[in-house]
Amino acid sequence: MFKEIPINRHPVLLLIICLFLGCNQLTFVSIGTGAVTGIYYPTGGAICRMINQKMNEYQIKATVESTAGSVFNVNAVLNGDLEFGVVQSDRQYQAVHGLSEWKQLGPQKKLRSVFSIHPESVTLIVSLNSEIRDVKQLRGKRVNLGNPGSGPLQNARDALTAFGLNENDIVAEYVKAMEAPGLLQDERIDAFFYTVGHPNGNIKEATSGRIQVRFIPLKGLPIDYLLKKFPYYARAIIPIKFYSNAKNSENIETFGVKGTLVTSAAVDEKIVYAITREIFENLETFKKLHPAYSALTPRGMLSGLTAKIHRGALQYYRECGLYPYIDDNLLPDENQP
């Protein structure tokens, strides 16, 4: 897949573009995403394409960057290395409350929400040869949980804990999600977790190889307790119609998070306003860019958020009538940027 070059990291390219466009006021922004095979990368690319079509109006040139995922994106946004990042809703929650990777750093008070995007389902796939039929049967099996610093790794850990397991009960692997289908088909692992929007190319690869596979539902009392404990999780369904080669006859019940777009309080309000406005006013076009976006609604895109909403986004929500639907806890204090 073609990877857009992060132009604002290449001064020569930036100069050439400015010479052609006469862009004295052109602002360059980058959106951090995830692996090119996941949904974060096309999400960032879709946002960039839509804003770049109005470059003359907004004076913004947006580029998409493939990154290690949610934790990297939060930190890069706060450090000013990225202007925006696509982040799982649970990771946003943890950053704002100073949990997990941010426990020593404390609450990340300068993180800001823009909107939420697609639902992401915690997906567990196993080979038929492994004879795994429920989560507890992962004990002693070779299971990929996800790469360090990624949202899916924490989701996998939460799923294991909910069912009374931990990483010491399995032979844990920590490779990127894009590598897991190949490992499963090569019989080097028995199962893998992946938090992702559906349909997904990695999952299609896993279900279409020589080794037959099935999805394992994540449901029941353990998940009921998990949802009560962690407010950023919600029930989810994986439509089996997307994966006809899997050995499942029904849709798969599971739980999941939402992908969210975040930024920093330091990013200019005009930039955040422009991106928010462009996506919401062209939502039907945006929804056609990926099947995972099909259920998006304006009000739904205000859910799954924990960080205060950026003032640039708030300006648009006031103008379009969405402001009354925003949780009061997401409104910045008067003395906050």
C-alpha atoms as a PDB file:
ATOM      1  CA  MET A   1       0.000   0.000   0.000  1.00  0.00           C
ATOM      2  CA  PHE A   2       1.255   3.467  -0.834  1.00  0.00           C
ATOM      3  CA  LYS A   3       2.435   5.403   2.210  1.00  0.00           C
ATOM      4  CA  GLU A   4       2.115   9.152   2.093  1.00  0.00           C
ATOM      5  CA  ILE A   5       5.386  10.933   2.853  1.00  0.00           C
ATOM      6  CA  PRO A   6       5.200  13.093   6.001  1.00  0.00           C
ATOM      7  CA  ILE A   7       5.968  16.274   4.087  1.00  0.00           C
ATOM      8  CA  ASN A   8       6.395  18.480   7.111  1.00  0.00           C
ATOM      9  CA  ARG A   9       9.349  16.307   8.108  1.00  0.00           C
ATOM     10  CA  HIS A  10      11.093  16.993   4.773  1.00  0.00           C
ATOM     11  CA  PRO A  11      12.063  20.667   4.338  1.00  0.00           C
ATOM     12  CA  VAL A  12      13.053  20.265   0.666  1.00  0.00           C
ATOM     13  CA  LEU A  13       9.660  18.812  -0.283  1.00  0.00           C
ATOM     14  CA  LEU A  14       7.947  21.478   1.772  1.00  0.00           C
ATOM     15  CA  LEU A  15       9.860  24.196  -0.091  1.00  0.00           C
ATOM     16  CA  ILE A  16       9.007  22.708  -3.500  1.00  0.00           C
ATOM     17  CA  ILE A  17       5.306  22.532  -2.644  1.00  0.00           C
ATOM     18  CA  CYS A  18       5.311  26.084  -1.382  1.00  0.00           C
ATOM     19  CA  LEU A  19       6.988  27.306  -4.585  1.00  0.00           C
ATOM     20  CA  PHE A  20       4.243  25.713  -6.667  1.00  0.00           C
ATOM     21  CA  LEU A  21       1.325  26.702  -4.464  1.00  0.00           C
ATOM     22  CA  GLY A  22       2.465  30.104  -3.278  1.00  0.00           C
ATOM     23  CA  CYS A  23       1.636  28.947   0.214  1.00  0.00           C
ATOM     24  CA  ASN A  24       2.821  31.765   2.427  1.00  0.00           C
ATOM     25  CA  GLN A  25       0.208  30.836   5.007  1.00  0.00           C
ATOM     26  CA  LEU A  26       0.005  27.096   4.345  1.00  0.00           C
ATOM     27  CA  THR A  27       0.049  25.038   7.550  1.00  0.00           C
ATOM     28  CA  PHE A  28       1.312  21.462   7.527  1.00  0.00           C
ATOM     29  CA  VAL A  29      -0.217  18.922   9.908  1.00  0.00           C
ATOM     30  CA  SER A  30       0.365  15.204  10.376  1.00  0.00           C
ATOM     31  CA  ILE A  31      -2.069  12.561  11.607  1.00  0.00           C
ATOM     32  CA  GLY A  32      -0.562   9.570  13.410  1.00  0.00           C
ATOM     33  CA  THR A  33      -2.386   6.308  12.740  1.00  0.00           C
ATOM     34  CA  GLY A  34      -1.192   2.697  13.037  1.00  0.00           C
ATOM     35  CA  ALA A  35      -0.102  -0.193  10.819  1.00  0.00           C
ATOM     36  CA  VAL A  36      -0.920   0.251   7.129  1.00  0.00           C
ATOM     37  CA  THR A  37      -3.036  -2.930   7.176  1.00  0.00           C
ATOM     38  CA  GLY A  38      -5.297  -1.761  10.006  1.00  0.00           C
ATOM     39  CA  ILE A  39      -8.172   0.704   9.945  1.00  0.00           C
ATOM     40  CA  TYR A  40      -6.297   3.606  11.574  1.00  0.00           C
ATOM     41  CA  TYR A  41      -4.147   4.229   8.495  1.00  0.00           C
ATOM     42  CA  PRO A  42      -7.020   4.494   5.986  1.00  0.00           C
ATOM     43  CA  THR A  43      -8.924   6.581   8.538  1.00  0.00           C
ATOM     44  CA  GLY A  44      -6.077   9.073   8.738  1.00  0.00           C
ATOM     45  CA  GLY A  45      -5.700   8.978   4.974  1.00  0.00           C
ATOM     46  CA  ALA A  46      -9.391   9.668   4.456  1.00  0.00           C
ATOM     47  CA  ILE A  47      -9.285  12.696   6.759  1.00  0.00           C
ATOM     48  CA  CYS A  48      -6.191  13.993   4.957  1.00  0.00           C
ATOM     49  CA  ARG A  49      -7.729  13.610   1.508  1.00  0.00           C
ATOM     50  CA  MET A  50     -10.870  15.451   2.528  1.00  0.00           C
ATOM     51  CA  ILE A  51      -9.036  18.379   4.091  1.00  0.00           C
ATOM     52  CA  ASN A  52      -6.504  18.566   1.240  1.00  0.00           C
ATOM     53  CA  GLN A  53      -9.301  18.941  -1.298  1.00  0.00           C
ATOM     54  CA  LYS A  54     -10.008  22.278   0.383  1.00  0.00           C
ATOM     55  CA  MET A  55      -6.355  23.321   0.651  1.00  0.00           C
ATOM     56  CA  ASN A  56      -6.990  26.703  -0.957  1.00  0.00           C
ATOM     57  CA  GLU A  57      -9.837  27.387   1.470  1.00  0.00           C
ATOM     58  CA  TYR A  58      -8.272  26.158   4.694  1.00  0.00           C
ATOM     59  CA  GLN A  59      -4.579  26.692   3.862  1.00  0.00           C
ATOM     60  CA  ILE A  60      -3.842  23.315   5.451  1.00  0.00           C
ATOM     61  CA  LYS A  61      -1.831  20.430   3.990  1.00  0.00           C
ATOM     62  CA  ALA A  62      -2.441  17.204   5.928  1.00  0.00           C
ATOM     63  CA  THR A  63      -0.347  14.043   5.733  1.00  0.00           C
ATOM     64  CA  VAL A  64      -0.847  10.609   7.254  1.00  0.00           C
ATOM     65  CA  GLU A  65       1.853   8.693   9.139  1.00  0.00           C
ATOM     66  CA  SER A  66       1.947   4.989   9.956  1.00  0.00           C
ATOM     67  CA  THR A  67       2.924   4.605  13.629  1.00  0.00           C
ATOM     68  CA  ALA A  68       3.109   2.029  16.415  1.00  0.00           C
ATOM     69  CA  GLY A  69      -0.438   2.904  17.508  1.00  0.00           C
ATOM     70  CA  SER A  70      -2.350   4.566  20.311  1.00  0.00           C
ATOM     71  CA  VAL A  71       0.327   5.051  22.977  1.00  0.00           C
ATOM     72  CA  PHE A  72       2.806   6.422  20.464  1.00  0.00           C
ATOM     73  CA  ASN A  73       0.170   8.739  19.005  1.00  0.00           C
ATOM     74  CA  VAL A  74      -0.836  10.179  22.384  1.00  0.00           C
ATOM     75  CA  ASN A  75       2.766  10.890  23.317  1.00  0.00           C
ATOM     76  CA  ALA A  76       3.678  12.272  19.894  1.00  0.00           C
ATOM     77  CA  VAL A  77       0.673  14.622  19.936  1.00  0.00           C
ATOM     78  CA  LEU A  78       1.563  15.894  23.398  1.00  0.00           C
ATOM     79  CA  ASN A  79       5.226  16.309  22.415  1.00  0.00           C
ATOM     80  CA  GLY A  80       4.281  18.273  19.300  1.00  0.00           C
ATOM     81  CA  ASP A  81       5.685  15.647  16.906  1.00  0.00           C
ATOM     82  CA  LEU A  82       2.171  15.077  15.529  1.00  0.00           C
ATOM     83  CA  GLU A  83      -0.778  17.459  15.391  1.00  0.00           C
ATOM     84  CA  PHE A  84      -3.412  14.698  15.494  1.00  0.00           C
ATOM     85  CA  GLY A  85      -3.542  11.022  16.350  1.00  0.00           C
ATOM     86  CA  VAL A  86      -6.052   8.204  16.034  1.00  0.00           C
ATOM     87  CA  VAL A  87      -6.302   6.598  19.470  1.00  0.00           C
ATOM     88  CA  GLN A  88      -8.411   3.866  21.022  1.00  0.00           C
ATOM     89  CA  SER A  89     -10.944   5.219  23.513  1.00  0.00           C
ATOM     90  CA  ASP A  90      -9.467   3.136  26.342  1.00  0.00           C
ATOM     91  CA  ARG A  91      -6.001   4.547  25.747  1.00  0.00           C
ATOM     92  CA  GLN A  92      -7.450   8.053  25.725  1.00  0.00           C
ATOM     93  CA  TYR A  93      -9.074   7.324  29.097  1.00  0.00           C
ATOM     94  CA  GLN A  94      -5.834   5.956  30.548  1.00  0.00           C
ATOM     95  CA  ALA A  95      -3.792   8.944  29.356  1.00  0.00           C
ATOM     96  CA  VAL A  96      -6.259  11.475  30.776  1.00  0.00           C
ATOM     97  CA  HIS A  97      -6.365   9.682  34.146  1.00  0.00           C
ATOM     98  CA  GLY A  98      -2.637   8.932  34.358  1.00  0.00           C
ATOM     99  CA  LEU A  99      -3.028   5.151  34.181  1.00  0.00           C
ATOM    100  CA  SER A 100      -1.090   2.327  32.517  1.00  0.00           C
ATOM    101  CA  GLU A 101       1.816   3.758  30.453  1.00  0.00           C
ATOM    102  CA  TRP A 102       1.133   7.219  31.916  1.00  0.00           C
ATOM    103  CA  LYS A 103       1.101   6.130  35.562  1.00  0.00           C
ATOM    104  CA  GLN A 104       4.466   7.733  36.363  1.00  0.00           C
ATOM    105  CA  LEU A 105       3.824  10.818  34.235  1.00  0.00           C
ATOM    106  CA  GLY A 106       0.396  11.453  35.744  1.00  0.00           C
ATOM    107  CA  PRO A 107      -2.777  12.735  34.032  1.00  0.00           C
ATOM    108  CA  GLN A 108      -2.151  14.125  30.552  1.00  0.00           C
ATOM    109  CA  LYS A 109      -4.166  17.308  30.969  1.00  0.00           C
ATOM    110  CA  LYS A 110      -3.234  18.854  27.610  1.00  0.00           C
ATOM    111  CA  LEU A 111      -4.707  16.008  25.577  1.00  0.00           C
ATOM    112  CA  ARG A 112      -7.848  17.070  23.698  1.00  0.00           C
ATOM    113  CA  SER A 113     -10.639  15.154  21.939  1.00  0.00           C
ATOM    114  CA  VAL A 114     -11.878  16.071  18.489  1.00  0.00           C
ATOM    115  CA  PHE A 115     -14.424  13.315  17.743  1.00  0.00           C
ATOM    116  CA  SER A 116     -14.801   9.536  17.788  1.00  0.00           C
ATOM    117  CA  ILE A 117     -14.879   7.506  14.632  1.00  0.00           C
ATOM    118  CA  HIS A 118     -15.369   3.779  14.152  1.00  0.00           C
ATOM    119  CA  PRO A 119     -16.153   0.987  16.596  1.00  0.00           C
ATOM    120  CA  GLU A 120     -13.340  -1.512  17.131  1.00  0.00           C
ATOM    121  CA  SER A 121     -14.061  -5.045  18.245  1.00  0.00           C
ATOM    122  CA  VAL A 122     -11.741  -7.154  20.391  1.00  0.00           C
ATOM    123  CA  THR A 123     -11.293 -10.110  18.056  1.00  0.00           C
ATOM    124  CA  LEU A 124      -9.977 -13.547  19.025  1.00  0.00           C
ATOM    125  CA  ILE A 125      -9.128 -15.997  16.226  1.00  0.00           C
ATOM    126  CA  VAL A 126      -7.892 -19.548  16.756  1.00  0.00           C
ATOM    127  CA  SER A 127      -6.841 -22.378  14.448  1.00  0.00           C
ATOM    128  CA  LEU A 128      -9.134 -25.385  14.289  1.00  0.00           C
ATOM    129  CA  ASN A 129      -6.097 -27.578  14.955  1.00  0.00           C
ATOM    130  CA  SER A 130      -5.691 -25.949  18.368  1.00  0.00           C
ATOM    131  CA  GLU A 131      -9.097 -27.308  19.457  1.00  0.00           C
ATOM    132  CA  ILE A 132      -9.745 -24.056  21.348  1.00  0.00           C
ATOM    133  CA  ARG A 133     -13.456 -23.378  21.755  1.00  0.00           C
ATOM    134  CA  ASP A 134     -13.495 -20.812  24.570  1.00  0.00           C
ATOM    135  CA  VAL A 135     -11.138 -18.334  26.175  1.00  0.00           C
ATOM    136  CA  LYS A 136     -10.185 -20.555  29.108  1.00  0.00           C
ATOM    137  CA  GLN A 137      -8.824 -23.135  26.677  1.00  0.00           C
ATOM    138  CA  LEU A 138      -6.095 -20.668  25.703  1.00  0.00           C
ATOM    139  CA  ARG A 139      -4.198 -21.929  28.743  1.00  0.00           C
ATOM    140  CA  GLY A 140      -0.839 -23.326  27.629  1.00  0.00           C
ATOM    141  CA  LYS A 141      -1.398 -22.236  24.012  1.00  0.00           C
ATOM    142  CA  ARG A 142       0.747 -19.934  21.858  1.00  0.00           C
ATOM    143  CA  VAL A 143      -1.188 -16.659  21.670  1.00  0.00           C
ATOM    144  CA  ASN A 144      -0.225 -13.341  20.097  1.00  0.00           C
ATOM    145  CA  LEU A 145      -1.475 -10.455  22.247  1.00  0.00           C
ATOM    146  CA  GLY A 146      -0.198  -7.493  20.205  1.00  0.00           C
ATOM    147  CA  ASN A 147       2.884  -5.323  20.012  1.00  0.00           C
ATOM    148  CA  PRO A 148       4.115  -3.375  23.070  1.00  0.00           C
ATOM    149  CA  GLY A 149       2.524   0.049  23.408  1.00  0.00           C
ATOM    150  CA  SER A 150      -0.495  -0.857  21.295  1.00  0.00           C
ATOM    151  CA  GLY A 151      -4.142  -0.626  22.295  1.00  0.00           C
ATOM    152  CA  PRO A 152      -4.869  -4.246  21.307  1.00  0.00           C
ATOM    153  CA  LEU A 153      -2.262  -5.518  23.774  1.00  0.00           C
ATOM    154  CA  GLN A 154      -4.083  -3.943  26.716  1.00  0.00           C
ATOM    155  CA  ASN A 155      -7.458  -5.164  25.410  1.00  0.00           C
ATOM    156  CA  ALA A 156      -6.105  -8.710  25.162  1.00  0.00           C
ATOM    157  CA  ARG A 157      -4.793  -8.506  28.718  1.00  0.00           C
ATOM    158  CA  ASP A 158      -8.180  -7.278  29.930  1.00  0.00           C
ATOM    159  CA  ALA A 159      -9.945 -10.116  28.113  1.00  0.00           C
ATOM    160  CA  LEU A 160      -7.638 -12.723  29.655  1.00  0.00           C
ATOM    161  CA  THR A 161      -8.085 -11.231  33.130  1.00  0.00           C
ATOM    162  CA  ALA A 162     -11.870 -11.231  32.757  1.00  0.00           C
ATOM    163  CA  PHE A 163     -11.778 -14.992  32.189  1.00  0.00           C
ATOM    164  CA  GLY A 164      -9.360 -15.670  35.050  1.00  0.00           C
ATOM    165  CA  LEU A 165      -6.167 -15.942  32.983  1.00  0.00           C
ATOM    166  CA  ASN A 166      -2.974 -13.929  32.684  1.00  0.00           C
ATOM    167  CA  GLU A 167       0.099 -13.879  30.470  1.00  0.00           C
ATOM    168  CA  ASN A 168       1.816 -16.533  32.569  1.00  0.00           C
ATOM    169  CA  ASP A 169      -0.970 -18.984  31.723  1.00  0.00           C
ATOM    170  CA  ILE A 170      -0.221 -18.852  27.996  1.00  0.00           C
ATOM    171  CA  VAL A 171       2.818 -18.793  25.746  1.00  0.00           C
ATOM    172  CA  ALA A 172       2.523 -15.109  24.957  1.00  0.00           C
ATOM    173  CA  GLU A 173       3.798 -13.477  21.769  1.00  0.00           C
ATOM    174  CA  TYR A 174       4.013  -9.731  21.226  1.00  0.00           C
ATOM    175  CA  VAL A 175       4.258  -9.157  17.473  1.00  0.00           C
ATOM    176  CA  LYS A 176       2.401  -6.626  15.364  1.00  0.00           C
ATOM    177  CA  ALA A 177      -1.119  -7.539  14.323  1.00  0.00           C
ATOM    178  CA  MET A 178      -0.175  -7.569  10.628  1.00  0.00           C
ATOM    179  CA  GLU A 179       2.237 -10.450  11.307  1.00  0.00           C
ATOM    180  CA  ALA A 180      -0.197 -12.615  13.277  1.00  0.00           C
ATOM    181  CA  PRO A 181      -2.181 -14.151  10.366  1.00  0.00           C
ATOM    182  CA  GLY A 182       1.027 -15.422   8.796  1.00  0.00           C
ATOM    183  CA  LEU A 183       2.182 -16.889  12.098  1.00  0.00           C
ATOM    184  CA  LEU A 184      -1.180 -18.626  12.512  1.00  0.00           C
ATOM    185  CA  GLN A 185      -1.091 -20.041   8.989  1.00  0.00           C
ATOM    186  CA  ASP A 186       2.512 -21.199   9.523  1.00  0.00           C
ATOM    187  CA  GLU A 187       1.329 -22.957  12.714  1.00  0.00           C
ATOM    188  CA  ARG A 188       3.755 -20.941  14.833  1.00  0.00           C
ATOM    189  CA  ILE A 189       0.910 -19.660  17.038  1.00  0.00           C
ATOM    190  CA  ASP A 190      -2.449 -21.140  17.956  1.00  0.00           C
ATOM    191  CA  ALA A 191      -4.426 -17.922  18.353  1.00  0.00           C
ATOM    192  CA  PHE A 192      -4.247 -14.158  18.267  1.00  0.00           C
ATOM    193  CA  PHE A 193      -6.112 -11.148  19.616  1.00  0.00           C
ATOM    194  CA  TYR A 194      -6.670  -8.079  17.466  1.00  0.00           C
ATOM    195  CA  THR A 195      -8.763  -5.007  18.255  1.00  0.00           C
ATOM    196  CA  VAL A 196      -9.952  -3.637  14.938  1.00  0.00           C
ATOM    197  CA  GLY A 197     -12.863  -2.350  12.898  1.00  0.00           C
ATOM    198  CA  HIS A 198     -14.477  -4.847  10.537  1.00  0.00           C
ATOM    199  CA  PRO A 199     -14.059  -5.882   7.794  1.00  0.00           C
ATOM    200  CA  ASN A 200     -10.286  -5.975   8.028  1.00  0.00           C
ATOM    201  CA  GLY A 201      -7.648  -7.228   5.588  1.00  0.00           C
ATOM    202  CA  ASN A 202      -5.574  -8.954   8.261  1.00  0.00           C
ATOM    203  CA  ILE A 203      -8.574 -10.909   9.481  1.00  0.00           C
ATOM    204  CA  LYS A 204      -9.528 -11.858   5.910  1.00  0.00           C
ATOM    205  CA  GLU A 205      -5.997 -13.146   5.425  1.00  0.00           C
ATOM    206  CA  ALA A 206      -6.258 -15.215   8.599  1.00  0.00           C
ATOM    207  CA  THR A 207      -9.561 -16.784   7.542  1.00  0.00           C
ATOM    208  CA  SER A 208      -8.557 -17.566   3.954  1.00  0.00           C
ATOM    209  CA  GLY A 209      -5.427 -19.688   4.291  1.00  0.00           C
ATOM    210  CA  ARG A 210      -4.563 -23.378   4.443  1.00  0.00           C
ATOM    211  CA  ILE A 211      -5.162 -23.541   8.200  1.00  0.00           C
ATOM    212  CA  GLN A 212      -8.856 -23.277   8.994  1.00  0.00           C
ATOM    213  CA  VAL A 213      -9.865 -20.909  11.769  1.00  0.00           C
ATOM    214  CA  ARG A 214     -12.765 -19.837  13.945  1.00  0.00           C
ATOM    215  CA  PHE A 215     -13.677 -16.750  15.951  1.00  0.00           C
ATOM    216  CA  ILE A 216     -14.063 -17.222  19.715  1.00  0.00           C
ATOM    217  CA  PRO A 217     -16.907 -15.177  21.279  1.00  0.00           C
ATOM    218  CA  LEU A 218     -16.047 -12.956  24.219  1.00  0.00           C
ATOM    219  CA  LYS A 219     -19.290 -12.851  26.172  1.00  0.00           C
ATOM    220  CA  GLY A 220     -21.052 -13.926  29.350  1.00  0.00           C
ATOM    221  CA  LEU A 221     -20.648 -12.895  32.992  1.00  0.00           C
ATOM    222  CA  PRO A 222     -16.893 -12.196  32.706  1.00  0.00           C
ATOM    223  CA  ILE A 223     -17.589  -9.584  30.046  1.00  0.00           C
ATOM    224  CA  ASP A 224     -20.557  -8.203  32.002  1.00  0.00           C
ATOM    225  CA  TYR A 225     -18.200  -7.484  34.908  1.00  0.00           C
ATOM    226  CA  LEU A 226     -15.553  -6.082  32.568  1.00  0.00           C
ATOM    227  CA  LEU A 227     -17.999  -3.559  31.090  1.00  0.00           C
ATOM    228  CA  LYS A 228     -19.014  -2.396  34.567  1.00  0.00           C
ATOM    229  CA  LYS A 229     -15.386  -1.943  35.595  1.00  0.00           C
ATOM    230  CA  PHE A 230     -14.183  -0.080  32.495  1.00  0.00           C
ATOM    231  CA  PRO A 231     -16.570   2.592  31.126  1.00  0.00           C
ATOM    232  CA  TYR A 232     -14.759   2.895  27.793  1.00  0.00           C
ATOM    233  CA  TYR A 233     -15.718  -0.647  26.743  1.00  0.00           C
ATOM    234  CA  ALA A 234     -19.019  -1.592  25.086  1.00  0.00           C
ATOM    235  CA  ARG A 235     -20.617  -4.712  23.599  1.00  0.00           C
ATOM    236  CA  ALA A 236     -19.871  -5.344  19.932  1.00  0.00           C
ATOM    237  CA  ILE A 237     -20.796  -7.723  17.130  1.00  0.00           C
ATOM    238  CA  ILE A 238     -18.499  -9.016  14.372  1.00  0.00           C
ATOM    239  CA  PRO A 239     -20.665  -9.751  11.281  1.00  0.00           C
ATOM    240  CA  ILE A 240     -19.720 -13.208  10.004  1.00  0.00           C
ATOM    241  CA  LYS A 241     -20.772 -12.143   6.480  1.00  0.00           C
ATOM    242  CA  PHE A 242     -17.417 -10.385   6.194  1.00  0.00           C
ATOM    243  CA  TYR A 243     -15.522 -13.666   6.717  1.00  0.00           C
ATOM    244  CA  SER A 244     -17.288 -16.487   4.909  1.00  0.00           C
ATOM    245  CA  ASN A 245     -14.307 -18.842   5.191  1.00  0.00           C
ATOM    246  CA  ALA A 246     -14.282 -18.839   8.987  1.00  0.00           C
ATOM    247  CA  LYS A 247     -15.823 -21.865  10.675  1.00  0.00           C
ATOM    248  CA  ASN A 248     -18.531 -19.871  12.435  1.00  0.00           C
ATOM    249  CA  SER A 249     -22.206 -19.997  11.545  1.00  0.00           C
ATOM    250  CA  GLU A 250     -23.364 -16.921  13.488  1.00  0.00           C
ATOM    251  CA  ASN A 251     -22.252 -13.371  14.178  1.00  0.00           C
ATOM    252  CA  ILE A 252     -19.632 -13.234  16.917  1.00  0.00           C
ATOM    253  CA  GLU A 253     -20.457 -11.526  20.212  1.00  0.00           C
ATOM    254  CA  THR A 254     -17.600  -9.612  21.783  1.00  0.00           C
ATOM    255  CA  PHE A 255     -16.737  -6.242  23.309  1.00  0.00           C
ATOM    256  CA  GLY A 256     -14.767  -3.300  22.027  1.00  0.00           C
ATOM    257  CA  VAL A 257     -13.715   0.315  22.048  1.00  0.00           C
ATOM    258  CA  LYS A 258     -13.961   3.233  19.647  1.00  0.00           C
ATOM    259  CA  GLY A 259     -11.316   4.870  17.535  1.00  0.00           C
ATOM    260  CA  THR A 260     -11.020   8.552  18.424  1.00  0.00           C
ATOM    261  CA  LEU A 261      -9.231  11.527  16.919  1.00  0.00           C
ATOM    262  CA  VAL A 262      -7.171  13.461  19.476  1.00  0.00           C
ATOM    263  CA  THR A 263      -4.990  16.531  19.444  1.00  0.00           C
ATOM    264  CA  SER A 264      -3.221  18.832  21.885  1.00  0.00           C
ATOM    265  CA  ALA A 265      -4.500  21.981  23.548  1.00  0.00           C
ATOM    266  CA  ALA A 266      -1.552  23.707  21.851  1.00  0.00           C
ATOM    267  CA  VAL A 267      -2.849  23.092  18.302  1.00  0.00           C
ATOM    268  CA  ASP A 268      -4.413  26.148  16.672  1.00  0.00           C
ATOM    269  CA  GLU A 269      -8.210  26.352  16.981  1.00  0.00           C
ATOM    270  CA  LYS A 270      -8.595  27.194  13.277  1.00  0.00           C
ATOM    271  CA  ILE A 271      -6.917  23.932  12.259  1.00  0.00           C
ATOM    272  CA  VAL A 272      -9.069  21.781  14.548  1.00  0.00           C
ATOM    273  CA  TYR A 273     -12.201  23.666  13.475  1.00  0.00           C
ATOM    274  CA  ALA A 274     -11.427  23.095   9.792  1.00  0.00           C
ATOM    275  CA  ILE A 275     -10.924  19.345  10.143  1.00  0.00           C
ATOM    276  CA  THR A 276     -14.000  18.924  12.342  1.00  0.00           C
ATOM    277  CA  ARG A 277     -16.174  20.926   9.987  1.00  0.00           C
ATOM    278  CA  GLU A 278     -14.945  19.123   6.875  1.00  0.00           C
ATOM    279  CA  ILE A 279     -15.647  15.648   8.251  1.00  0.00           C
ATOM    280  CA  PHE A 280     -19.069  16.435   9.736  1.00  0.00           C
ATOM    281  CA  GLU A 281     -20.329  18.402   6.737  1.00  0.00           C
ATOM    282  CA  ASN A 282     -19.252  15.631   4.376  1.00  0.00           C
ATOM    283  CA  LEU A 283     -20.078  12.702   6.625  1.00  0.00           C
ATOM    284  CA  GLU A 284     -21.936  10.702   3.981  1.00  0.00           C
ATOM    285  CA  THR A 285     -18.909  10.876   1.713  1.00  0.00           C
ATOM    286  CA  PHE A 286     -16.605   9.924   4.579  1.00  0.00           C
ATOM    287  CA  LYS A 287     -18.796   6.923   5.485  1.00  0.00           C
ATOM    288  CA  LYS A 288     -18.357   5.477   1.996  1.00  0.00           C
ATOM    289  CA  LEU A 289     -14.583   5.298   2.388  1.00  0.00           C
ATOM    290  CA  HIS A 290     -14.650   2.179   4.602  1.00  0.00           C
ATOM    291  CA  PRO A 291     -17.389  -0.314   5.631  1.00  0.00           C
ATOM    292  CA  ALA A 292     -16.479   0.196   9.296  1.00  0.00           C
ATOM    293  CA  TYR A 293     -17.769   3.776   9.075  1.00  0.00           C
ATOM    294  CA  SER A 294     -21.223   2.791   7.832  1.00  0.00           C
ATOM    295  CA  ALA A 295     -22.985   3.236  11.190  1.00  0.00           C
ATOM    296  CA  LEU A 296     -21.477   6.638  12.016  1.00  0.00           C
ATOM    297  CA  THR A 297     -23.855   9.372  13.159  1.00  0.00           C
ATOM    298  CA  PRO A 298     -23.032  12.944  14.251  1.00  0.00           C
ATOM    299  CA  ARG A 299     -24.235  12.326  17.816  1.00  0.00           C
ATOM    300  CA  GLY A 300     -22.479   8.961  17.958  1.00  0.00           C
ATOM    301  CA  MET A 301     -19.208  10.674  17.069  1.00  0.00           C
ATOM    302  CA  LEU A 302     -19.393  12.536  20.380  1.00  0.00           C
ATOM    303  CA  SER A 303     -19.352   9.298  22.400  1.00  0.00           C
ATOM    304  CA  GLY A 304     -16.370   7.331  23.651  1.00  0.00           C
ATOM    305  CA  LEU A 305     -14.446  10.497  24.556  1.00  0.00           C
ATOM    306  CA  THR A 306     -12.672  11.226  27.838  1.00  0.00           C
ATOM    307  CA  ALA A 307     -10.312  14.135  27.163  1.00  0.00           C
ATOM    308  CA  LYS A 308     -11.765  17.643  27.114  1.00  0.00           C
ATOM    309  CA  ILE A 309     -12.940  18.628  23.639  1.00  0.00           C
ATOM    310  CA  HIS A 310     -10.657  21.038  21.805  1.00  0.00           C
ATOM    311  CA  ARG A 311     -12.062  24.559  21.536  1.00  0.00           C
ATOM    312  CA  GLY A 312     -11.756  24.500  17.758  1.00  0.00           C
ATOM    313  CA  ALA A 313     -14.053  21.476  17.592  1.00  0.00           C
ATOM    314  CA  LEU A 314     -16.418  23.053  20.132  1.00  0.00           C
ATOM    315  CA  GLN A 315     -16.777  26.087  17.889  1.00  0.00           C
ATOM    316  CA  TYR A 316     -18.092  23.888  15.090  1.00  0.00           C
ATOM    317  CA  TYR A 317     -20.372  21.892  17.414  1.00  0.00           C
ATOM    318  CA  ARG A 318     -21.965  25.153  18.556  1.00  0.00           C
ATOM    319  CA  GLU A 319     -22.545  26.243  14.967  1.00  0.00           C
ATOM    320  CA  CYS A 320     -24.108  22.958  13.823  1.00  0.00           C
ATOM    321  CA  GLY A 321     -26.335  22.375  16.866  1.00  0.00           C
ATOM    322  CA  LEU A 322     -24.447  19.431  18.396  1.00  0.00           C
ATOM    323  CA  TYR A 323     -23.258  21.339  21.454  1.00  0.00           C
ATOM    324  CA  PRO A 324     -26.254  20.319  23.668  1.00  0.00           C
ATOM    325  CA  TYR A 325     -25.333  16.644  23.183  1.00  0.00           C
ATOM    326  CA  ILE A 326     -21.811  17.005  24.573  1.00  0.00           C
ATOM    327  CA  ASP A 327     -21.163  15.601  28.051  1.00  0.00           C
ATOM    328  CA  ASP A 328     -20.510  18.478  30.455  1.00  0.00           C
ATOM    329  CA  ASN A 329     -17.398  16.668  31.680  1.00  0.00           C
ATOM    330  CA  LEU A 330     -15.873  17.127  28.216  1.00  0.00           C
ATOM    331  CA  LEU A 331     -16.184  20.911  28.223  1.00  0.00           C
ATOM    332  CA  PRO A 332     -12.910  22.737  28.973  1.00  0.00           C
ATOM    333  CA  ASP A 333     -12.791  25.050  31.971  1.00  0.00           C
ATOM    334  CA  GLU A 334     -12.915  28.767  31.248  1.00  0.00           C
ATOM    335  CA  ASN A 335      -9.235  29.177  32.143  1.00  0.00           C
ATOM    336  CA  GLN A 336      -8.153  26.217  30.009  1.00  0.00           C
ATOM    337  CA  PRO A 337      -7.033  26.525  26.378  1.00  0.00           C
END
